[in-house]
Amino acid sequence: MDIWHILAIILFTTQIVSGILLHGNTIEINFLIKIFWVIIWNVILYNGGFWT
């Protein structure tokens, strides 16, 4: 496994677990944080060779 695959797995699982733990709670969704996560996912997926 490449480091980019490991990072993708870690980020995916932490986002799923945090989504489960925060289920039912009202949280304010910050647009800049969502943009930041999209950029991070794009960098990981591009460098990991998922888009060839």
N, C-alpha and C. Protein backbone atom coordinates (compact mmCIF):
# COMPACT_ATOMS: atom_id res chain seq x y z
N MET A 1 0.83 -1.18 0.00
CA MET A 1 0.00 0.00 0.00
C MET A 1 0.87 1.24 0.00
N ASP A 2 0.39 2.23 -0.70
CA ASP A 2 1.09 3.50 -0.76
C ASP A 2 0.61 4.39 0.38
N ILE A 3 1.38 5.41 0.71
CA ILE A 3 1.00 6.32 1.79
C ILE A 3 -0.31 7.03 1.48
N TRP A 4 -0.58 7.28 0.20
CA TRP A 4 -1.82 7.98 -0.18
C TRP A 4 -3.04 7.10 0.05
N HIS A 5 -2.88 5.79 -0.16
CA HIS A 5 -3.99 4.88 0.12
C HIS A 5 -4.28 4.81 1.61
N ILE A 6 -3.23 4.79 2.41
CA ILE A 6 -3.40 4.74 3.86
C ILE A 6 -4.08 6.02 4.36
N LEU A 7 -3.65 7.18 3.84
CA LEU A 7 -4.28 8.45 4.22
C LEU A 7 -5.75 8.49 3.83
N ALA A 8 -6.07 7.97 2.66
CA ALA A 8 -7.46 7.95 2.22
C ALA A 8 -8.31 7.08 3.14
N ILE A 9 -7.80 5.93 3.54
CA ILE A 9 -8.53 5.04 4.43
C ILE A 9 -8.74 5.69 5.79
N ILE A 10 -7.69 6.33 6.32
CA ILE A 10 -7.79 6.97 7.63
C ILE A 10 -8.79 8.12 7.60
N LEU A 11 -8.70 8.98 6.59
CA LEU A 11 -9.63 10.10 6.50
C LEU A 11 -11.06 9.64 6.30
N PHE A 12 -11.25 8.63 5.47
CA PHE A 12 -12.59 8.13 5.21
C PHE A 12 -13.22 7.58 6.49
N THR A 13 -12.47 6.76 7.22
CA THR A 13 -13.02 6.17 8.43
C THR A 13 -13.27 7.23 9.51
N THR A 14 -12.39 8.21 9.64
CA THR A 14 -12.62 9.23 10.66
C THR A 14 -13.82 10.10 10.32
N GLN A 15 -14.04 10.38 9.04
CA GLN A 15 -15.20 11.16 8.67
C GLN A 15 -16.48 10.36 8.86
N ILE A 16 -16.46 9.07 8.59
CA ILE A 16 -17.64 8.22 8.81
C ILE A 16 -17.95 8.11 10.30
N VAL A 17 -16.91 7.88 11.12
CA VAL A 17 -17.12 7.74 12.56
C VAL A 17 -17.62 9.05 13.16
N SER A 18 -17.04 10.17 12.74
CA SER A 18 -17.50 11.45 13.28
C SER A 18 -18.92 11.75 12.82
N GLY A 19 -19.28 11.34 11.61
CA GLY A 19 -20.65 11.51 11.15
C GLY A 19 -21.63 10.68 11.95
N ILE A 20 -21.21 9.47 12.34
CA ILE A 20 -22.08 8.62 13.16
C ILE A 20 -22.21 9.18 14.58
N LEU A 21 -21.10 9.65 15.14
CA LEU A 21 -21.13 10.16 16.50
C LEU A 21 -21.91 11.47 16.60
N LEU A 22 -21.88 12.28 15.55
CA LEU A 22 -22.58 13.56 15.57
C LEU A 22 -24.01 13.45 15.05
N HIS A 23 -24.45 12.24 14.74
CA HIS A 23 -25.79 12.06 14.19
C HIS A 23 -26.83 12.49 15.22
N GLY A 24 -27.74 13.33 14.78
CA GLY A 24 -28.77 13.81 15.68
C GLY A 24 -28.43 15.10 16.38
N ASN A 25 -27.16 15.48 16.37
CA ASN A 25 -26.76 16.74 16.98
C ASN A 25 -26.76 17.84 15.93
N THR A 26 -27.19 19.01 16.34
CA THR A 26 -27.18 20.15 15.43
C THR A 26 -25.82 20.81 15.49
N ILE A 27 -25.14 20.80 14.35
CA ILE A 27 -23.84 21.45 14.28
C ILE A 27 -23.86 22.44 13.13
N GLU A 28 -23.08 23.49 13.28
CA GLU A 28 -22.99 24.48 12.23
C GLU A 28 -21.97 24.00 11.20
N ILE A 29 -22.39 23.94 9.96
CA ILE A 29 -21.51 23.47 8.89
C ILE A 29 -20.80 24.68 8.30
N ASN A 30 -19.50 24.68 8.44
CA ASN A 30 -18.70 25.77 7.92
C ASN A 30 -18.34 25.45 6.46
N PHE A 31 -18.65 26.38 5.57
CA PHE A 31 -18.41 26.17 4.14
C PHE A 31 -16.92 26.03 3.85
N LEU A 32 -16.10 26.82 4.52
CA LEU A 32 -14.65 26.77 4.26
C LEU A 32 -14.06 25.44 4.68
N ILE A 33 -14.59 24.84 5.73
CA ILE A 33 -14.10 23.53 6.16
C ILE A 33 -14.47 22.47 5.13
N LYS A 34 -15.68 22.57 4.57
CA LYS A 34 -16.09 21.62 3.53
C LYS A 34 -15.21 21.76 2.29
N ILE A 35 -14.89 22.99 1.90
CA ILE A 35 -13.99 23.21 0.77
C ILE A 35 -12.60 22.65 1.06
N PHE A 36 -12.13 22.83 2.30
CA PHE A 36 -10.83 22.30 2.70
C PHE A 36 -10.81 20.78 2.56
N TRP A 37 -11.86 20.08 3.02
CA TRP A 37 -11.90 18.63 2.93
C TRP A 37 -11.96 18.16 1.48
N VAL A 38 -12.67 18.90 0.63
CA VAL A 38 -12.72 18.54 -0.79
C VAL A 38 -11.33 18.65 -1.41
N ILE A 39 -10.61 19.70 -1.07
CA ILE A 39 -9.25 19.87 -1.61
C ILE A 39 -8.34 18.77 -1.10
N ILE A 40 -8.42 18.45 0.18
CA ILE A 40 -7.58 17.38 0.75
C ILE A 40 -7.88 16.04 0.07
N TRP A 41 -9.17 15.71 -0.12
CA TRP A 41 -9.52 14.46 -0.79
C TRP A 41 -9.03 14.44 -2.22
N ASN A 42 -9.13 15.57 -2.93
CA ASN A 42 -8.64 15.61 -4.32
C ASN A 42 -7.14 15.40 -4.39
N VAL A 43 -6.39 16.01 -3.48
CA VAL A 43 -4.93 15.83 -3.48
C VAL A 43 -4.57 14.39 -3.19
N ILE A 44 -5.24 13.78 -2.20
CA ILE A 44 -4.93 12.39 -1.85
C ILE A 44 -5.29 11.45 -2.99
N LEU A 45 -6.46 11.64 -3.56
CA LEU A 45 -6.87 10.73 -4.63
C LEU A 45 -6.03 10.91 -5.89
N TYR A 46 -5.63 12.13 -6.19
CA TYR A 46 -4.81 12.37 -7.39
C TYR A 46 -3.41 11.81 -7.20
N ASN A 47 -2.79 12.07 -6.05
CA ASN A 47 -1.43 11.59 -5.81
C ASN A 47 -1.37 10.09 -5.55
N GLY A 48 -2.49 9.54 -5.11
CA GLY A 48 -2.52 8.10 -4.85
C GLY A 48 -2.72 7.27 -6.10
N GLY A 49 -2.93 7.91 -7.22
CA GLY A 49 -3.08 7.17 -8.47
C GLY A 49 -4.49 6.69 -8.71
N PHE A 50 -5.46 7.21 -7.96
CA PHE A 50 -6.84 6.80 -8.18
C PHE A 50 -7.38 7.37 -9.48
N TRP A 51 -6.82 8.51 -9.90
CA TRP A 51 -7.23 9.12 -11.18
C TRP A 51 -6.06 9.00 -12.14
N THR A 52 -6.08 7.96 -12.96
CA THR A 52 -4.99 7.81 -13.93
C THR A 52 -5.52 7.86 -15.33
